[in-house]
């Protein structure tokens, strides 16, 4: 009975903590590996690892209370120098998926060109 109570308490706590968090999936469909993802309002990068390889994705979770309007910069390693390859101004409260291609991107399955 004690174990059941502890298990239920843990499930309830996990559910309460996850309310208000925002998660966005970022997929790299470019022809090059990307080495960092930076977003306004945080210190450091948010990628679970330092590398987002071609055809791979990462889940980025913003904590509760995070500002919805963010600037996301994704860099490439250009011979040891970080160079911003892609920059997005997003409403992460609405955005759930971001798929990056060389000439366009998909935001929640809607296509946008970089020059728009």
C-alpha atoms as a PDB file:
ATOM      1  CA  UNK A   1       0.000   0.000   0.000  1.00  0.00           C
ATOM      2  CA  UNK A   2       2.838   2.362   0.849  1.00  0.00           C
ATOM      3  CA  UNK A   3       4.479   1.655  -2.535  1.00  0.00           C
ATOM      4  CA  UNK A   4       1.182   2.321  -4.320  1.00  0.00           C
ATOM      5  CA  UNK A   5       0.829   5.664  -2.535  1.00  0.00           C
ATOM      6  CA  UNK A   6       4.407   6.629  -3.437  1.00  0.00           C
ATOM      7  CA  UNK A   7       3.860   5.620  -7.070  1.00  0.00           C
ATOM      8  CA  UNK A   8       0.641   7.625  -7.327  1.00  0.00           C
ATOM      9  CA  UNK A   9       2.308  10.613  -5.674  1.00  0.00           C
ATOM     10  CA  UNK A  10       5.178  10.470  -8.157  1.00  0.00           C
ATOM     11  CA  UNK A  11       2.800  10.288 -11.149  1.00  0.00           C
ATOM     12  CA  UNK A  12       0.773  13.229  -9.822  1.00  0.00           C
ATOM     13  CA  UNK A  13       3.908  15.285  -9.156  1.00  0.00           C
ATOM     14  CA  UNK A  14       5.278  14.545 -12.647  1.00  0.00           C
ATOM     15  CA  UNK A  15       1.959  15.562 -14.205  1.00  0.00           C
ATOM     16  CA  UNK A  16       1.834  18.828 -12.257  1.00  0.00           C
ATOM     17  CA  UNK A  17       5.459  19.683 -13.095  1.00  0.00           C
ATOM     18  CA  UNK A  18       4.928  19.059 -16.822  1.00  0.00           C
ATOM     19  CA  UNK A  19       1.907  21.395 -16.967  1.00  0.00           C
ATOM     20  CA  UNK A  20       3.020  24.714 -18.387  1.00  0.00           C
ATOM     21  CA  UNK A  21       6.188  23.374 -19.982  1.00  0.00           C
ATOM     22  CA  UNK A  22       6.523  23.889 -23.721  1.00  0.00           C
ATOM     23  CA  UNK A  23       8.294  21.373 -25.928  1.00  0.00           C
ATOM     24  CA  UNK A  24       9.268  21.948 -29.546  1.00  0.00           C
ATOM     25  CA  UNK A  25      10.777  19.339 -31.858  1.00  0.00           C
ATOM     26  CA  UNK A  26      13.528  20.649 -34.137  1.00  0.00           C
ATOM     27  CA  UNK A  27      14.568  18.467 -37.088  1.00  0.00           C
ATOM     28  CA  UNK A  28      17.683  18.993 -39.189  1.00  0.00           C
ATOM     29  CA  UNK A  29      16.837  18.173 -42.822  1.00  0.00           C
ATOM     30  CA  UNK A  30      19.724  20.203 -44.215  1.00  0.00           C
ATOM     31  CA  UNK A  31      22.786  18.636 -45.824  1.00  0.00           C
ATOM     32  CA  UNK A  32      25.097  19.522 -42.921  1.00  0.00           C
ATOM     33  CA  UNK A  33      25.425  18.791 -39.238  1.00  0.00           C
ATOM     34  CA  UNK A  34      24.502  21.636 -36.891  1.00  0.00           C
ATOM     35  CA  UNK A  35      26.448  22.199 -33.683  1.00  0.00           C
ATOM     36  CA  UNK A  36      24.411  24.395 -31.413  1.00  0.00           C
ATOM     37  CA  UNK A  37      21.016  25.816 -30.694  1.00  0.00           C
ATOM     38  CA  UNK A  38      20.737  29.022 -28.747  1.00  0.00           C
ATOM     39  CA  UNK A  39      17.614  30.810 -27.646  1.00  0.00           C
ATOM     40  CA  UNK A  40      16.931  34.191 -26.108  1.00  0.00           C
ATOM     41  CA  UNK A  41      16.392  34.332 -22.397  1.00  0.00           C
ATOM     42  CA  UNK A  42      18.628  31.422 -21.442  1.00  0.00           C
ATOM     43  CA  UNK A  43      22.253  30.893 -20.595  1.00  0.00           C
ATOM     44  CA  UNK A  44      24.008  28.449 -22.903  1.00  0.00           C
ATOM     45  CA  UNK A  45      22.432  26.182 -25.431  1.00  0.00           C
ATOM     46  CA  UNK A  46      19.397  23.953 -25.022  1.00  0.00           C
ATOM     47  CA  UNK A  47      20.363  21.034 -27.232  1.00  0.00           C
ATOM     48  CA  UNK A  48      20.531  17.800 -25.274  1.00  0.00           C
ATOM     49  CA  UNK A  49      23.867  17.254 -27.051  1.00  0.00           C
ATOM     50  CA  UNK A  50      26.200  19.643 -28.853  1.00  0.00           C
ATOM     51  CA  UNK A  51      25.435  18.104 -32.233  1.00  0.00           C
ATOM     52  CA  UNK A  52      22.256  17.956 -34.320  1.00  0.00           C
ATOM     53  CA  UNK A  53      23.167  15.647 -37.171  1.00  0.00           C
ATOM     54  CA  UNK A  54      21.548  15.558 -40.601  1.00  0.00           C
ATOM     55  CA  UNK A  55      18.102  13.863 -40.508  1.00  0.00           C
ATOM     56  CA  UNK A  56      18.040  13.846 -36.706  1.00  0.00           C
ATOM     57  CA  UNK A  57      15.860  15.780 -34.300  1.00  0.00           C
ATOM     58  CA  UNK A  58      15.978  17.176 -30.803  1.00  0.00           C
ATOM     59  CA  UNK A  59      13.266  17.916 -28.276  1.00  0.00           C
ATOM     60  CA  UNK A  60      13.679  21.295 -26.641  1.00  0.00           C
ATOM     61  CA  UNK A  61      11.673  21.851 -23.455  1.00  0.00           C
ATOM     62  CA  UNK A  62      11.170  25.360 -22.135  1.00  0.00           C
ATOM     63  CA  UNK A  63      10.260  25.628 -18.450  1.00  0.00           C
ATOM     64  CA  UNK A  64       6.953  26.928 -17.144  1.00  0.00           C
ATOM     65  CA  UNK A  65       6.716  30.708 -17.256  1.00  0.00           C
ATOM     66  CA  UNK A  66       9.122  31.043 -20.170  1.00  0.00           C
ATOM     67  CA  UNK A  67       8.370  33.967 -22.497  1.00  0.00           C
ATOM     68  CA  UNK A  68       6.464  32.760 -25.587  1.00  0.00           C
ATOM     69  CA  UNK A  69       8.298  35.043 -28.006  1.00  0.00           C
ATOM     70  CA  UNK A  70      11.861  33.827 -28.527  1.00  0.00           C
ATOM     71  CA  UNK A  71      14.677  34.112 -31.016  1.00  0.00           C
ATOM     72  CA  UNK A  72      16.302  30.797 -31.849  1.00  0.00           C
ATOM     73  CA  UNK A  73      19.724  30.692 -33.473  1.00  0.00           C
ATOM     74  CA  UNK A  74      21.237  27.508 -34.819  1.00  0.00           C
ATOM     75  CA  UNK A  75      24.934  27.495 -35.605  1.00  0.00           C
ATOM     76  CA  UNK A  76      27.308  25.450 -37.669  1.00  0.00           C
ATOM     77  CA  UNK A  77      30.902  24.758 -36.845  1.00  0.00           C
ATOM     78  CA  UNK A  78      32.911  26.425 -39.585  1.00  0.00           C
ATOM     79  CA  UNK A  79      36.424  25.100 -38.975  1.00  0.00           C
ATOM     80  CA  UNK A  80      36.244  25.695 -35.252  1.00  0.00           C
ATOM     81  CA  UNK A  81      34.334  28.978 -35.448  1.00  0.00           C
ATOM     82  CA  UNK A  82      30.645  29.037 -34.638  1.00  0.00           C
ATOM     83  CA  UNK A  83      28.680  30.724 -37.378  1.00  0.00           C
ATOM     84  CA  UNK A  84      24.934  31.368 -37.144  1.00  0.00           C
ATOM     85  CA  UNK A  85      23.374  29.351 -39.936  1.00  0.00           C
ATOM     86  CA  UNK A  86      19.671  29.807 -39.165  1.00  0.00           C
ATOM     87  CA  UNK A  87      17.705  32.274 -37.070  1.00  0.00           C
ATOM     88  CA  UNK A  88      14.008  32.094 -36.230  1.00  0.00           C
ATOM     89  CA  UNK A  89      11.649  34.375 -34.326  1.00  0.00           C
ATOM     90  CA  UNK A  90       9.042  32.011 -32.896  1.00  0.00           C
ATOM     91  CA  UNK A  91       6.096  31.916 -30.577  1.00  0.00           C
ATOM     92  CA  UNK A  92       7.018  28.740 -28.724  1.00  0.00           C
ATOM     93  CA  UNK A  93       3.621  28.656 -27.051  1.00  0.00           C
ATOM     94  CA  UNK A  94       2.173  27.941 -30.518  1.00  0.00           C
ATOM     95  CA  UNK A  95       5.119  26.211 -32.247  1.00  0.00           C
ATOM     96  CA  UNK A  96       5.355  22.465 -31.785  1.00  0.00           C
ATOM     97  CA  UNK A  97       7.572  21.383 -34.712  1.00  0.00           C
ATOM     98  CA  UNK A  98      10.330  23.107 -36.665  1.00  0.00           C
ATOM     99  CA  UNK A  99      11.896  21.281 -39.631  1.00  0.00           C
ATOM    100  CA  UNK A 100      14.911  23.018 -41.149  1.00  0.00           C
ATOM    101  CA  UNK A 101      15.885  22.764 -44.829  1.00  0.00           C
ATOM    102  CA  UNK A 102      18.480  24.827 -46.732  1.00  0.00           C
ATOM    103  CA  UNK A 103      16.027  27.136 -48.530  1.00  0.00           C
ATOM    104  CA  UNK A 104      12.887  26.886 -46.412  1.00  0.00           C
ATOM    105  CA  UNK A 105      11.535  25.586 -43.130  1.00  0.00           C
ATOM    106  CA  UNK A 106       8.331  23.994 -41.885  1.00  0.00           C
ATOM    107  CA  UNK A 107       6.774  25.426 -38.763  1.00  0.00           C
ATOM    108  CA  UNK A 108       3.890  23.258 -37.529  1.00  0.00           C
ATOM    109  CA  UNK A 109       3.825  21.746 -41.065  1.00  0.00           C
ATOM    110  CA  UNK A 110       3.405  25.186 -42.701  1.00  0.00           C
ATOM    111  CA  UNK A 111       6.102  26.086 -45.247  1.00  0.00           C
ATOM    112  CA  UNK A 112       8.075  29.340 -45.004  1.00  0.00           C
ATOM    113  CA  UNK A 113      10.967  30.653 -47.102  1.00  0.00           C
ATOM    114  CA  UNK A 114      13.908  32.316 -45.356  1.00  0.00           C
ATOM    115  CA  UNK A 115      13.628  35.433 -47.523  1.00  0.00           C
ATOM    116  CA  UNK A 116      10.028  36.157 -46.457  1.00  0.00           C
END
